[in-house]
């Protein structure tokens, strides 16, 4: 079963949050899962277990980097028929 996940991670920091978000995106890249960075979130595709593990790792990384706390917003599409590509192909010319 395929999972498409939209994730937005919001670390509460005393400094600029962008380096924290950059580190979270690097963690997504290192996961080997297919992903696409958007202005307000990142879309990730894989199996549900891998997506859930990634969410946990991203939150743990934010705390390790010094975030006081983390707000994480997640949406899932769990389906055999949909992929990131077939959901967006008609819009990507």
Protein backbone atom coordinates (compact mmCIF):
# COMPACT_ATOMS: atom_id res chain seq x y z
CA UNK A 1 0.00 0.00 0.00
CA UNK A 2 1.33 3.43 -0.93
CA UNK A 3 1.36 6.45 1.37
CA UNK A 4 1.61 10.07 0.28
CA UNK A 5 2.36 12.32 3.21
CA UNK A 6 2.32 16.09 3.43
CA UNK A 7 4.42 17.27 6.39
CA UNK A 8 5.08 20.69 7.85
CA UNK A 9 7.45 20.89 10.80
CA UNK A 10 7.47 24.03 12.93
CA UNK A 11 10.29 24.11 15.48
CA UNK A 12 9.98 26.61 18.34
CA UNK A 13 13.42 28.17 18.51
CA UNK A 14 15.07 31.20 20.05
CA UNK A 15 16.94 31.74 16.78
CA UNK A 16 16.20 31.52 13.07
CA UNK A 17 14.12 28.40 12.37
CA UNK A 18 15.31 28.02 8.76
CA UNK A 19 18.44 25.98 9.64
CA UNK A 20 16.19 23.62 11.63
CA UNK A 21 13.84 23.20 8.67
CA UNK A 22 16.81 22.70 6.35
CA UNK A 23 18.05 19.90 8.63
CA UNK A 24 14.59 18.30 8.57
CA UNK A 25 14.57 18.41 4.76
CA UNK A 26 18.05 16.86 4.71
CA UNK A 27 16.73 14.05 6.90
CA UNK A 28 13.93 13.49 4.37
CA UNK A 29 16.48 13.39 1.55
CA UNK A 30 18.67 10.95 3.48
CA UNK A 31 15.66 8.66 4.03
CA UNK A 32 15.69 7.63 0.38
CA UNK A 33 11.95 8.24 0.09
CA UNK A 34 10.59 10.15 -2.89
CA UNK A 35 9.85 13.75 -1.91
CA UNK A 36 9.04 17.22 -3.20
CA UNK A 37 9.71 20.41 -1.22
CA UNK A 38 6.91 22.98 -1.45
CA UNK A 39 6.88 26.52 0.00
CA UNK A 40 4.87 25.57 3.11
CA UNK A 41 5.35 21.81 3.43
CA UNK A 42 7.07 18.79 1.93
CA UNK A 43 5.34 15.90 0.22
CA UNK A 44 6.83 12.45 0.81
CA UNK A 45 5.90 9.12 -0.78
CA UNK A 46 6.60 5.65 0.60
CA UNK A 47 5.10 2.99 2.81
CA UNK A 48 3.23 4.03 5.96
CA UNK A 49 5.84 2.60 8.35
CA UNK A 50 8.64 4.56 6.70
CA UNK A 51 6.61 7.77 6.78
CA UNK A 52 5.77 7.35 10.46
CA UNK A 53 9.40 6.59 11.29
CA UNK A 54 10.43 9.72 9.41
CA UNK A 55 8.00 11.88 11.40
CA UNK A 56 9.48 10.60 14.66
CA UNK A 57 13.05 11.14 13.44
CA UNK A 58 12.29 14.68 12.29
CA UNK A 59 10.78 15.64 15.64
CA UNK A 60 13.66 14.08 17.57
CA UNK A 61 16.16 15.94 15.37
CA UNK A 62 14.49 19.28 16.09
CA UNK A 63 14.81 18.70 19.85
CA UNK A 64 18.42 17.49 19.47
CA UNK A 65 19.25 20.71 17.58
CA UNK A 66 17.87 22.81 20.45
CA UNK A 67 14.23 23.45 19.63
CA UNK A 68 12.14 24.00 22.77
CA UNK A 69 9.23 22.11 21.21
CA UNK A 70 7.94 21.13 17.78
CA UNK A 71 4.58 21.44 16.07
CA UNK A 72 4.16 18.94 13.23
CA UNK A 73 1.24 19.01 10.82
CA UNK A 74 0.73 15.87 8.74
CA UNK A 75 -1.76 14.70 6.12
CA UNK A 76 -1.83 11.19 4.63
CA UNK A 77 -3.27 9.66 1.49
CA UNK A 78 -3.19 5.88 1.90
CA UNK A 79 -4.04 4.12 -1.36
CA UNK A 80 -3.00 1.46 -3.83
CA UNK A 81 -3.95 3.55 -6.84
CA UNK A 82 -2.40 6.97 -6.20
CA UNK A 83 1.19 8.19 -6.44
CA UNK A 84 2.66 11.68 -6.35
CA UNK A 85 3.21 11.43 -10.10
CA UNK A 86 -0.24 10.32 -11.16
CA UNK A 87 -1.92 12.89 -8.91
CA UNK A 88 0.02 15.80 -10.40
CA UNK A 89 0.93 14.77 -13.96
CA UNK A 90 -1.89 16.72 -15.63
CA UNK A 91 -0.67 19.91 -13.89
CA UNK A 92 3.01 19.49 -14.73
CA UNK A 93 2.63 19.89 -18.50
